[in-house]
């Protein structure tokens, strides 16, 4: 019975990660378009194909956008950062609960 509850909670964390992915797919491309249009030096730093590039994702996750004094950029990047954090946290917690359900 307890294993069923643990797996149910793990599934809820996966659902939370899916919600985060939905928000990420909305805000991250908007952030990248804003960077492309208004910050050419930052675009060069992030490189081409930055959508799933690890260095660009780390830049977002670490809050590197805050070094640029542009409130529009912060307004787009902050929800993308929160969404990426929710994806990572949701999947990590779901994985931990799944591993816990395997324990005897």
PDB file of N, CA and C in Angstrom:
ATOM      1  N   UNK A   1       0.817  -1.195   0.000  1.00  0.00           N
ATOM      2  CA  UNK A   1       0.000   0.000   0.000  1.00  0.00           C
ATOM      3  C   UNK A   1       0.867   1.268   0.000  1.00  0.00           C
ATOM      4  N   UNK A   2       1.911   1.277   0.824  1.00  0.00           N
ATOM      5  CA  UNK A   2       2.780   2.452   0.897  1.00  0.00           C
ATOM      6  C   UNK A   2       3.512   2.658  -0.429  1.00  0.00           C
ATOM      7  N   UNK A   3       3.864   1.564  -1.091  1.00  0.00           N
ATOM      8  CA  UNK A   3       4.551   1.676  -2.379  1.00  0.00           C
ATOM      9  C   UNK A   3       3.648   2.343  -3.409  1.00  0.00           C
ATOM     10  N   UNK A   4       2.368   2.036  -3.369  1.00  0.00           N
ATOM     11  CA  UNK A   4       1.435   2.663  -4.300  1.00  0.00           C
ATOM     12  C   UNK A   4       1.371   4.173  -4.082  1.00  0.00           C
ATOM     13  N   UNK A   5       1.363   4.586  -2.824  1.00  0.00           N
ATOM     14  CA  UNK A   5       1.330   6.009  -2.511  1.00  0.00           C
ATOM     15  C   UNK A   5       2.611   6.700  -2.965  1.00  0.00           C
ATOM     16  N   UNK A   6       3.741   6.047  -2.745  1.00  0.00           N
ATOM     17  CA  UNK A   6       5.020   6.625  -3.160  1.00  0.00           C
ATOM     18  C   UNK A   6       5.055   6.781  -4.679  1.00  0.00           C
ATOM     19  N   UNK A   7       4.621   5.776  -5.397  1.00  0.00           N
ATOM     20  CA  UNK A   7       4.612   5.863  -6.866  1.00  0.00           C
ATOM     21  C   UNK A   7       3.605   6.900  -7.366  1.00  0.00           C
ATOM     22  N   UNK A   8       2.488   7.036  -6.660  1.00  0.00           N
ATOM     23  CA  UNK A   8       1.526   8.077  -7.019  1.00  0.00           C
ATOM     24  C   UNK A   8       2.141   9.463  -6.859  1.00  0.00           C
ATOM     25  N   UNK A   9       2.850   9.684  -5.755  1.00  0.00           N
ATOM     26  CA  UNK A   9       3.515  10.966  -5.542  1.00  0.00           C
ATOM     27  C   UNK A   9       4.607  11.196  -6.588  1.00  0.00           C
ATOM     28  N   UNK A  10       5.321  10.134  -6.957  1.00  0.00           N
ATOM     29  CA  UNK A  10       6.326  10.249  -8.012  1.00  0.00           C
ATOM     30  C   UNK A  10       5.663  10.668  -9.326  1.00  0.00           C
ATOM     31  N   UNK A  11       4.509  10.103  -9.609  1.00  0.00           N
ATOM     32  CA  UNK A  11       3.781  10.475 -10.819  1.00  0.00           C
ATOM     33  C   UNK A  11       3.327  11.930 -10.771  1.00  0.00           C
ATOM     34  N   UNK A  12       2.954  12.407  -9.601  1.00  0.00           N
ATOM     35  CA  UNK A  12       2.590  13.818  -9.455  1.00  0.00           C
ATOM     36  C   UNK A  12       3.796  14.725  -9.727  1.00  0.00           C
ATOM     37  N   UNK A  13       4.979  14.301  -9.297  1.00  0.00           N
ATOM     38  CA  UNK A  13       6.176  15.089  -9.590  1.00  0.00           C
ATOM     39  C   UNK A  13       6.486  15.089 -11.082  1.00  0.00           C
ATOM     40  N   UNK A  14       6.232  13.988 -11.752  1.00  0.00           N
ATOM     41  CA  UNK A  14       6.417  13.952 -13.210  1.00  0.00           C
ATOM     42  C   UNK A  14       5.417  14.902 -13.877  1.00  0.00           C
ATOM     43  N   UNK A  15       4.191  14.914 -13.386  1.00  0.00           N
ATOM     44  CA  UNK A  15       3.191  15.830 -13.934  1.00  0.00           C
ATOM     45  C   UNK A  15       3.599  17.285 -13.699  1.00  0.00           C
ATOM     46  N   UNK A  16       4.173  17.568 -12.553  1.00  0.00           N
ATOM     47  CA  UNK A  16       4.671  18.921 -12.274  1.00  0.00           C
ATOM     48  C   UNK A  16       5.790  19.284 -13.242  1.00  0.00           C
ATOM     49  N   UNK A  17       6.681  18.334 -13.517  1.00  0.00           N
ATOM     50  CA  UNK A  17       7.761  18.573 -14.477  1.00  0.00           C
ATOM     51  C   UNK A  17       7.201  18.837 -15.874  1.00  0.00           C
ATOM     52  N   UNK A  18       6.130  18.162 -16.236  1.00  0.00           N
ATOM     53  CA  UNK A  18       5.497  18.399 -17.541  1.00  0.00           C
ATOM     54  C   UNK A  18       4.914  19.801 -17.590  1.00  0.00           C
ATOM     55  N   UNK A  19       4.304  20.246 -16.508  1.00  0.00           N
ATOM     56  CA  UNK A  19       3.813  21.626 -16.436  1.00  0.00           C
ATOM     57  C   UNK A  19       4.944  22.622 -16.577  1.00  0.00           C
ATOM     58  N   UNK A  20       6.070  22.342 -15.928  1.00  0.00           N
ATOM     59  CA  UNK A  20       7.242  23.195 -16.071  1.00  0.00           C
ATOM     60  C   UNK A  20       7.758  23.209 -17.497  1.00  0.00           C
ATOM     61  N   UNK A  21       7.724  22.053 -18.154  1.00  0.00           N
ATOM     62  CA  UNK A  21       8.174  21.975 -19.547  1.00  0.00           C
ATOM     63  C   UNK A  21       7.287  22.812 -20.461  1.00  0.00           C
ATOM     64  N   UNK A  22       6.007  22.832 -20.164  1.00  0.00           N
ATOM     65  CA  UNK A  22       5.091  23.651 -20.958  1.00  0.00           C
ATOM     66  C   UNK A  22       5.440  25.130 -20.843  1.00  0.00           C
ATOM     67  N   UNK A  23       5.673  25.588 -19.622  1.00  0.00           N
ATOM     68  CA  UNK A  23       6.055  26.986 -19.428  1.00  0.00           C
ATOM     69  C   UNK A  23       7.417  27.276 -20.040  1.00  0.00           C
ATOM     70  N   UNK A  24       8.346  26.322 -19.937  1.00  0.00           N
ATOM     71  CA  UNK A  24       9.683  26.507 -20.492  1.00  0.00           C
ATOM     72  C   UNK A  24       9.624  26.666 -22.014  1.00  0.00           C
ATOM     73  N   UNK A  25       8.808  25.858 -22.656  1.00  0.00           N
ATOM     74  CA  UNK A  25       8.691  25.918 -24.110  1.00  0.00           C
ATOM     75  C   UNK A  25       8.037  27.224 -24.570  1.00  0.00           C
ATOM     76  N   UNK A  26       7.332  27.885 -23.689  1.00  0.00           N
ATOM     77  CA  UNK A  26       6.752  29.184 -24.027  1.00  0.00           C
ATOM     78  C   UNK A  26       7.759  30.304 -23.811  1.00  0.00           C
ATOM     79  N   UNK A  27       8.395  30.352 -22.644  1.00  0.00           N
ATOM     80  CA  UNK A  27       9.207  31.512 -22.281  1.00  0.00           C
ATOM     81  C   UNK A  27      10.645  31.472 -22.791  1.00  0.00           C
ATOM     82  N   UNK A  28      11.254  30.304 -22.890  1.00  0.00           N
ATOM     83  CA  UNK A  28      12.644  30.242 -23.315  1.00  0.00           C
ATOM     84  C   UNK A  28      12.826  30.688 -24.770  1.00  0.00           C
ATOM     85  N   UNK A  29      11.988  30.240 -25.711  1.00  0.00           N
ATOM     86  CA  UNK A  29      12.141  30.765 -27.075  1.00  0.00           C
ATOM     87  C   UNK A  29      11.894  32.272 -27.162  1.00  0.00           C
ATOM     88  N   UNK A  30      10.947  32.778 -26.386  1.00  0.00           N
ATOM     89  CA  UNK A  30      10.719  34.223 -26.380  1.00  0.00           C
ATOM     90  C   UNK A  30      11.937  34.962 -25.854  1.00  0.00           C
ATOM     91  N   UNK A  31      12.577  34.400 -24.850  1.00  0.00           N
ATOM     92  CA  UNK A  31      13.806  34.997 -24.322  1.00  0.00           C
ATOM     93  C   UNK A  31      14.901  34.994 -25.374  1.00  0.00           C
ATOM     94  N   UNK A  32      15.062  33.887 -26.074  1.00  0.00           N
ATOM     95  CA  UNK A  32      16.106  33.795 -27.099  1.00  0.00           C
ATOM     96  C   UNK A  32      15.845  34.740 -28.265  1.00  0.00           C
ATOM     97  N   UNK A  33      14.586  34.925 -28.634  1.00  0.00           N
ATOM     98  CA  UNK A  33      14.257  35.884 -29.706  1.00  0.00           C
ATOM     99  C   UNK A  33      14.567  37.301 -29.244  1.00  0.00           C
ATOM    100  N   UNK A  34      14.250  37.607 -28.005  1.00  0.00           N
ATOM    101  CA  UNK A  34      14.563  38.926 -27.467  1.00  0.00           C
ATOM    102  C   UNK A  34      16.078  39.162 -27.467  1.00  0.00           C
ATOM    103  N   UNK A  35      16.829  38.159 -27.060  1.00  0.00           N
ATOM    104  CA  UNK A  35      18.296  38.268 -27.065  1.00  0.00           C
ATOM    105  C   UNK A  35      18.792  38.460 -28.497  1.00  0.00           C
ATOM    106  N   UNK A  36      18.258  37.700 -29.420  1.00  0.00           N
ATOM    107  CA  UNK A  36      18.667  37.816 -30.825  1.00  0.00           C
ATOM    108  C   UNK A  36      18.409  39.211 -31.369  1.00  0.00           C
ATOM    109  N   UNK A  37      17.256  39.778 -31.033  1.00  0.00           N
ATOM    110  CA  UNK A  37      16.869  41.066 -31.599  1.00  0.00           C
ATOM    111  C   UNK A  37      17.530  42.261 -30.919  1.00  0.00           C
ATOM    112  N   UNK A  38      17.833  42.179 -29.642  1.00  0.00           N
ATOM    113  CA  UNK A  38      18.277  43.371 -28.912  1.00  0.00           C
ATOM    114  C   UNK A  38      19.652  43.281 -28.268  1.00  0.00           C
ATOM    115  N   UNK A  39      20.236  42.104 -28.212  1.00  0.00           N
ATOM    116  CA  UNK A  39      21.521  41.946 -27.527  1.00  0.00           C
ATOM    117  C   UNK A  39      22.455  41.066 -28.365  1.00  0.00           C
ATOM    118  N   UNK A  40      23.032  41.618 -29.438  1.00  0.00           N
ATOM    119  CA  UNK A  40      23.880  40.796 -30.312  1.00  0.00           C
ATOM    120  C   UNK A  40      25.115  40.221 -29.606  1.00  0.00           C
ATOM    121  N   UNK A  41      25.703  40.948 -28.664  1.00  0.00           N
ATOM    122  CA  UNK A  41      26.876  40.422 -27.955  1.00  0.00           C
ATOM    123  C   UNK A  41      26.494  39.218 -27.101  1.00  0.00           C
ATOM    124  N   UNK A  42      25.346  39.297 -26.468  1.00  0.00           N
ATOM    125  CA  UNK A  42      24.866  38.183 -25.657  1.00  0.00           C
ATOM    126  C   UNK A  42      24.499  36.996 -26.538  1.00  0.00           C
ATOM    127  N   UNK A  43      23.940  37.277 -27.709  1.00  0.00           N
ATOM    128  CA  UNK A  43      23.622  36.202 -28.659  1.00  0.00           C
ATOM    129  C   UNK A  43      24.879  35.476 -29.088  1.00  0.00           C
ATOM    130  N   UNK A  44      25.945  36.231 -29.335  1.00  0.00           N
ATOM    131  CA  UNK A  44      27.212  35.616 -29.720  1.00  0.00           C
ATOM    132  C   UNK A  44      27.763  34.758 -28.573  1.00  0.00           C
ATOM    133  N   UNK A  45      27.568  35.204 -27.346  1.00  0.00           N
ATOM    134  CA  UNK A  45      28.037  34.445 -26.186  1.00  0.00           C
ATOM    135  C   UNK A  45      27.265  33.130 -26.041  1.00  0.00           C
ATOM    136  N   UNK A  46      25.947  33.181 -26.244  1.00  0.00           N
ATOM    137  CA  UNK A  46      25.127  31.973 -26.113  1.00  0.00           C
ATOM    138  C   UNK A  46      25.321  31.031 -27.288  1.00  0.00           C
ATOM    139  N   UNK A  47      25.618  31.591 -28.462  1.00  0.00           N
ATOM    140  CA  UNK A  47      25.873  30.774 -29.645  1.00  0.00           C
ATOM    141  C   UNK A  47      24.610  30.389 -30.383  1.00  0.00           C
ATOM    142  N   UNK A  48      24.824  29.749 -31.521  1.00  0.00           N
ATOM    143  CA  UNK A  48      23.707  29.282 -32.340  1.00  0.00           C
ATOM    144  C   UNK A  48      23.089  28.034 -31.717  1.00  0.00           C
ATOM    145  N   UNK A  49      21.811  27.862 -31.936  1.00  0.00           N
ATOM    146  CA  UNK A  49      21.122  26.685 -31.419  1.00  0.00           C
ATOM    147  C   UNK A  49      21.126  26.619 -29.905  1.00  0.00           C
ATOM    148  N   UNK A  50      20.851  27.732 -29.259  1.00  0.00           N
ATOM    149  CA  UNK A  50      20.971  27.815 -27.802  1.00  0.00           C
ATOM    150  C   UNK A  50      19.788  27.189 -27.066  1.00  0.00           C
ATOM    151  N   UNK A  51      18.773  26.725 -27.766  1.00  0.00           N
ATOM    152  CA  UNK A  51      17.564  26.255 -27.079  1.00  0.00           C
ATOM    153  C   UNK A  51      17.867  25.136 -26.085  1.00  0.00           C
ATOM    154  N   UNK A  52      18.616  24.130 -26.490  1.00  0.00           N
ATOM    155  CA  UNK A  52      18.958  23.035 -25.578  1.00  0.00           C
ATOM    156  C   UNK A  52      20.462  22.913 -25.368  1.00  0.00           C
ATOM    157  N   UNK A  53      21.179  23.974 -25.631  1.00  0.00           N
ATOM    158  CA  UNK A  53      22.624  23.980 -25.439  1.00  0.00           C
ATOM    159  C   UNK A  53      22.929  24.060 -23.938  1.00  0.00           C
ATOM    160  N   UNK A  54      23.729  23.135 -23.406  1.00  0.00           N
ATOM    161  CA  UNK A  54      23.974  23.117 -21.969  1.00  0.00           C
ATOM    162  C   UNK A  54      24.522  24.434 -21.415  1.00  0.00           C
ATOM    163  N   UNK A  55      25.408  25.091 -22.157  1.00  0.00           N
ATOM    164  CA  UNK A  55      25.967  26.349 -21.638  1.00  0.00           C
ATOM    165  C   UNK A  55      24.903  27.436 -21.569  1.00  0.00           C
ATOM    166  N   UNK A  56      23.985  27.472 -22.530  1.00  0.00           N
ATOM    167  CA  UNK A  56      22.907  28.463 -22.512  1.00  0.00           C
ATOM    168  C   UNK A  56      21.910  28.145 -21.395  1.00  0.00           C
ATOM    169  N   UNK A  57      21.625  26.869 -21.189  1.00  0.00           N
ATOM    170  CA  UNK A  57      20.716  26.487 -20.109  1.00  0.00           C
ATOM    171  C   UNK A  57      21.336  26.804 -18.752  1.00  0.00           C
ATOM    172  N   UNK A  58      22.648  26.603 -18.620  1.00  0.00           N
ATOM    173  CA  UNK A  58      23.313  26.955 -17.371  1.00  0.00           C
ATOM    174  C   UNK A  58      23.291  28.465 -17.158  1.00  0.00           C
ATOM    175  N   UNK A  59      23.479  29.229 -18.246  1.00  0.00           N
ATOM    176  CA  UNK A  59      23.395  30.696 -18.170  1.00  0.00           C
ATOM    177  C   UNK A  59      22.022  31.103 -17.631  1.00  0.00           C
ATOM    178  N   UNK A  60      20.984  30.456 -18.131  1.00  0.00           N
ATOM    179  CA  UNK A  60      19.631  30.757 -17.663  1.00  0.00           C
ATOM    180  C   UNK A  60      19.444  30.333 -16.208  1.00  0.00           C
ATOM    181  N   UNK A  61      19.840  29.118 -15.898  1.00  0.00           N
ATOM    182  CA  UNK A  61      19.631  28.580 -14.560  1.00  0.00           C
ATOM    183  C   UNK A  61      20.424  29.347 -13.501  1.00  0.00           C
ATOM    184  N   UNK A  62      21.592  29.822 -13.867  1.00  0.00           N
ATOM    185  CA  UNK A  62      22.420  30.559 -12.905  1.00  0.00           C
ATOM    186  C   UNK A  62      22.043  32.036 -12.819  1.00  0.00           C
ATOM    187  N   UNK A  63      21.105  32.481 -13.646  1.00  0.00           N
ATOM    188  CA  UNK A  63      20.653  33.869 -13.594  1.00  0.00           C
ATOM    189  C   UNK A  63      21.597  34.830 -14.289  1.00  0.00           C
ATOM    190  N   UNK A  64      22.319  34.358 -15.298  1.00  0.00           N
ATOM    191  CA  UNK A  64      23.249  35.208 -16.023  1.00  0.00           C
ATOM    192  C   UNK A  64      22.592  36.380 -16.725  1.00  0.00           C
ATOM    193  N   UNK A  65      21.312  36.277 -16.981  1.00  0.00           N
ATOM    194  CA  UNK A  65      20.577  37.353 -17.651  1.00  0.00           C
ATOM    195  C   UNK A  65      20.484  38.602 -16.778  1.00  0.00           C
ATOM    196  N   UNK A  66      20.666  38.452 -15.475  1.00  0.00           N
ATOM    197  CA  UNK A  66      20.555  39.610 -14.579  1.00  0.00           C
ATOM    198  C   UNK A  66      21.709  40.592 -14.734  1.00  0.00           C
ATOM    199  N   UNK A  67      22.788  40.158 -15.381  1.00  0.00           N
ATOM    200  CA  UNK A  67      23.922  41.061 -15.623  1.00  0.00           C
ATOM    201  C   UNK A  67      23.604  42.074 -16.723  1.00  0.00           C
ATOM    202  N   UNK A  68      22.582  41.810 -17.521  1.00  0.00           N
ATOM    203  CA  UNK A  68      22.163  42.714 -18.583  1.00  0.00           C
ATOM    204  C   UNK A  68      21.052  43.610 -18.052  1.00  0.00           C
ATOM    205  N   UNK A  69      21.244  44.931 -18.070  1.00  0.00           N
ATOM    206  CA  UNK A  69      20.224  45.837 -17.510  1.00  0.00           C
ATOM    207  C   UNK A  69      19.049  46.048 -18.465  1.00  0.00           C
ATOM    208  N   UNK A  70      18.250  45.015 -18.622  1.00  0.00           N
ATOM    209  CA  UNK A  70      17.094  45.071 -19.522  1.00  0.00           C
ATOM    210  C   UNK A  70      15.931  44.401 -18.791  1.00  0.00           C
ATOM    211  N   UNK A  71      14.951  45.186 -18.407  1.00  0.00           N
ATOM    212  CA  UNK A  71      13.823  44.627 -17.655  1.00  0.00           C
ATOM    213  C   UNK A  71      12.974  43.688 -18.512  1.00  0.00           C
ATOM    214  N   UNK A  72      12.935  43.922 -19.805  1.00  0.00           N
ATOM    215  CA  UNK A  72      12.185  43.014 -20.679  1.00  0.00           C
ATOM    216  C   UNK A  72      12.850  41.640 -20.731  1.00  0.00           C
ATOM    217  N   UNK A  73      14.171  41.636 -20.771  1.00  0.00           N
ATOM    218  CA  UNK A  73      14.896  40.365 -20.760  1.00  0.00           C
ATOM    219  C   UNK A  73      14.656  39.630 -19.446  1.00  0.00           C
ATOM    220  N   UNK A  74      14.711  40.344 -18.348  1.00  0.00           N
ATOM    221  CA  UNK A  74      14.440  39.716 -17.046  1.00  0.00           C
ATOM    222  C   UNK A  74      13.004  39.215 -16.962  1.00  0.00           C
ATOM    223  N   UNK A  75      12.087  39.961 -17.541  1.00  0.00           N
ATOM    224  CA  UNK A  75      10.681  39.569 -17.524  1.00  0.00           C
ATOM    225  C   UNK A  75      10.392  38.307 -18.310  1.00  0.00           C
ATOM    226  N   UNK A  76      11.214  38.020 -19.313  1.00  0.00           N
ATOM    227  CA  UNK A  76      11.055  36.792 -20.086  1.00  0.00           C
ATOM    228  C   UNK A  76      11.892  35.651 -19.521  1.00  0.00           C
ATOM    229  N   UNK A  77      13.093  35.975 -19.061  1.00  0.00           N
ATOM    230  CA  UNK A  77      14.006  34.929 -18.616  1.00  0.00           C
ATOM    231  C   UNK A  77      13.657  34.380 -17.236  1.00  0.00           C
ATOM    232  N   UNK A  78      13.088  35.210 -16.366  1.00  0.00           N
ATOM    233  CA  UNK A  78      12.765  34.734 -15.024  1.00  0.00           C
ATOM    234  C   UNK A  78      11.736  33.601 -15.040  1.00  0.00           C
ATOM    235  N   UNK A  79      10.627  33.711 -15.784  1.00  0.00           N
ATOM    236  CA  UNK A  79       9.707  32.563 -15.837  1.00  0.00           C
ATOM    237  C   UNK A  79      10.335  31.334 -16.490  1.00  0.00           C
ATOM    238  N   UNK A  80      11.218  31.544 -17.473  1.00  0.00           N
ATOM    239  CA  UNK A  80      11.908  30.412 -18.090  1.00  0.00           C
ATOM    240  C   UNK A  80      12.827  29.738 -17.081  1.00  0.00           C
ATOM    241  N   UNK A  81      13.486  30.537 -16.254  1.00  0.00           N
ATOM    242  CA  UNK A  81      14.367  29.989 -15.216  1.00  0.00           C
ATOM    243  C   UNK A  81      13.566  29.198 -14.182  1.00  0.00           C
ATOM    244  N   UNK A  82      12.451  29.740 -13.763  1.00  0.00           N
ATOM    245  CA  UNK A  82      11.601  29.038 -12.798  1.00  0.00           C
ATOM    246  C   UNK A  82      11.092  27.733 -13.401  1.00  0.00           C
ATOM    247  N   UNK A  83      10.679  27.786 -14.664  1.00  0.00           N
ATOM    248  CA  UNK A  83      10.174  26.583 -15.331  1.00  0.00           C
ATOM    249  C   UNK A  83      11.261  25.518 -15.442  1.00  0.00           C
ATOM    250  N   UNK A  84      12.476  25.923 -15.797  1.00  0.00           N
ATOM    251  CA  UNK A  84      13.582  24.962 -15.886  1.00  0.00           C
ATOM    252  C   UNK A  84      13.880  24.363 -14.517  1.00  0.00           C
ATOM    253  N   UNK A  85      13.816  25.173 -13.488  1.00  0.00           N
ATOM    254  CA  UNK A  85      14.025  24.674 -12.125  1.00  0.00           C
ATOM    255  C   UNK A  85      12.943  23.673 -11.730  1.00  0.00           C
ATOM    256  N   UNK A  86      11.712  23.950 -12.116  1.00  0.00           N
ATOM    257  CA  UNK A  86      10.595  23.040 -11.803  1.00  0.00           C
ATOM    258  C   UNK A  86      10.777  21.716 -12.538  1.00  0.00           C
ATOM    259  N   UNK A  87      11.219  21.762 -13.773  1.00  0.00           N
ATOM    260  CA  UNK A  87      11.462  20.524 -14.526  1.00  0.00           C
ATOM    261  C   UNK A  87      12.513  19.680 -13.820  1.00  0.00           C
ATOM    262  N   UNK A  88      13.634  20.297 -13.502  1.00  0.00           N
ATOM    263  CA  UNK A  88      14.734  19.558 -12.878  1.00  0.00           C
ATOM    264  C   UNK A  88      14.313  19.015 -11.519  1.00  0.00           C
ATOM    265  N   UNK A  89      13.731  19.867 -10.689  1.00  0.00           N
ATOM    266  CA  UNK A  89      13.322  19.437  -9.356  1.00  0.00           C
ATOM    267  C   UNK A  89      12.256  18.345  -9.409  1.00  0.00           C
ATOM    268  N   UNK A  90      11.278  18.500 -10.288  1.00  0.00           N
ATOM    269  CA  UNK A  90      10.218  17.494 -10.406  1.00  0.00           C
ATOM    270  C   UNK A  90      10.754  16.138 -10.821  1.00  0.00           C
ATOM    271  N   UNK A  91      11.666  16.125 -11.795  1.00  0.00           N
ATOM    272  CA  UNK A  91      12.214  14.844 -12.244  1.00  0.00           C
ATOM    273  C   UNK A  91      13.147  14.221 -11.208  1.00  0.00           C
ATOM    274  N   UNK A  92      13.920  15.041 -10.527  1.00  0.00           N
ATOM    275  CA  UNK A  92      14.798  14.509  -9.480  1.00  0.00           C
ATOM    276  C   UNK A  92      13.969  13.907  -8.345  1.00  0.00           C
ATOM    277  N   UNK A  93      12.954  14.620  -7.902  1.00  0.00           N
ATOM    278  CA  UNK A  93      12.114  14.096  -6.811  1.00  0.00           C
ATOM    279  C   UNK A  93      11.349  12.848  -7.233  1.00  0.00           C
ATOM    280  N   UNK A  94      10.862  12.821  -8.475  1.00  0.00           N
ATOM    281  CA  UNK A  94      10.172  11.622  -8.966  1.00  0.00           C
ATOM    282  C   UNK A  94      11.135  10.443  -9.000  1.00  0.00           C
ATOM    283  N   UNK A  95      12.352  10.676  -9.441  1.00  0.00           N
ATOM    284  CA  UNK A  95      13.343   9.599  -9.475  1.00  0.00           C
ATOM    285  C   UNK A  95      13.688   9.092  -8.086  1.00  0.00           C
ATOM    286  N   UNK A  96      13.834  10.012  -7.137  1.00  0.00           N
ATOM    287  CA  UNK A  96      14.130   9.598  -5.764  1.00  0.00           C
ATOM    288  C   UNK A  96      12.977   8.787  -5.168  1.00  0.00           C
ATOM    289  N   UNK A  97      11.755   9.215  -5.428  1.00  0.00           N
ATOM    290  CA  UNK A  97      10.613   8.452  -4.910  1.00  0.00           C
ATOM    291  C   UNK A  97      10.518   7.086  -5.574  1.00  0.00           C
ATOM    292  N   UNK A  98      10.820   7.023  -6.855  1.00  0.00           N
ATOM    293  CA  UNK A  98      10.802   5.737  -7.548  1.00  0.00           C
ATOM    294  C   UNK A  98      11.842   4.794  -6.933  1.00  0.00           C
ATOM    295  N   UNK A  99      13.070   5.328  -6.690  1.00  0.00           N
ATOM    296  CA  UNK A  99      14.089   4.507  -6.065  1.00  0.00           C
ATOM    297  C   UNK A  99      13.667   4.067  -4.659  1.00  0.00           C
ATOM    298  N   UNK A 100      12.999   4.968  -3.945  1.00  0.00           N
ATOM    299  CA  UNK A 100      12.517   4.632  -2.610  1.00  0.00           C
ATOM    300  C   UNK A 100      11.475   3.497  -2.680  1.00  0.00           C
ATOM    301  N   UNK A 101      10.666   3.512  -3.723  1.00  0.00           N
ATOM    302  CA  UNK A 101       9.637   2.462  -3.854  1.00  0.00           C
ATOM    303  C   UNK A 101      10.258   1.109  -4.128  1.00  0.00           C
ATOM    304  N   UNK A 102      11.488   1.074  -4.634  1.00  0.00           N
ATOM    305  CA  UNK A 102      12.148  -0.196  -4.905  1.00  0.00           C
ATOM    306  C   UNK A 102      12.786  -0.799  -3.670  1.00  0.00           C
ATOM    307  N   UNK A 103      12.956  -0.001  -2.621  1.00  0.00           N
ATOM    308  CA  UNK A 103      13.591  -0.499  -1.393  1.00  0.00           C
ATOM    309  C   UNK A 103      12.679  -1.515  -0.712  1.00  0.00           C
ATOM    310  N   UNK A 104      13.285  -2.542  -0.140  1.00  0.00           N
ATOM    311  CA  UNK A 104      12.455  -3.589   0.512  1.00  0.00           C
ATOM    312  C   UNK A 104      11.788  -3.127   1.780  1.00  0.00           C
TER     313      UNK A 104
END
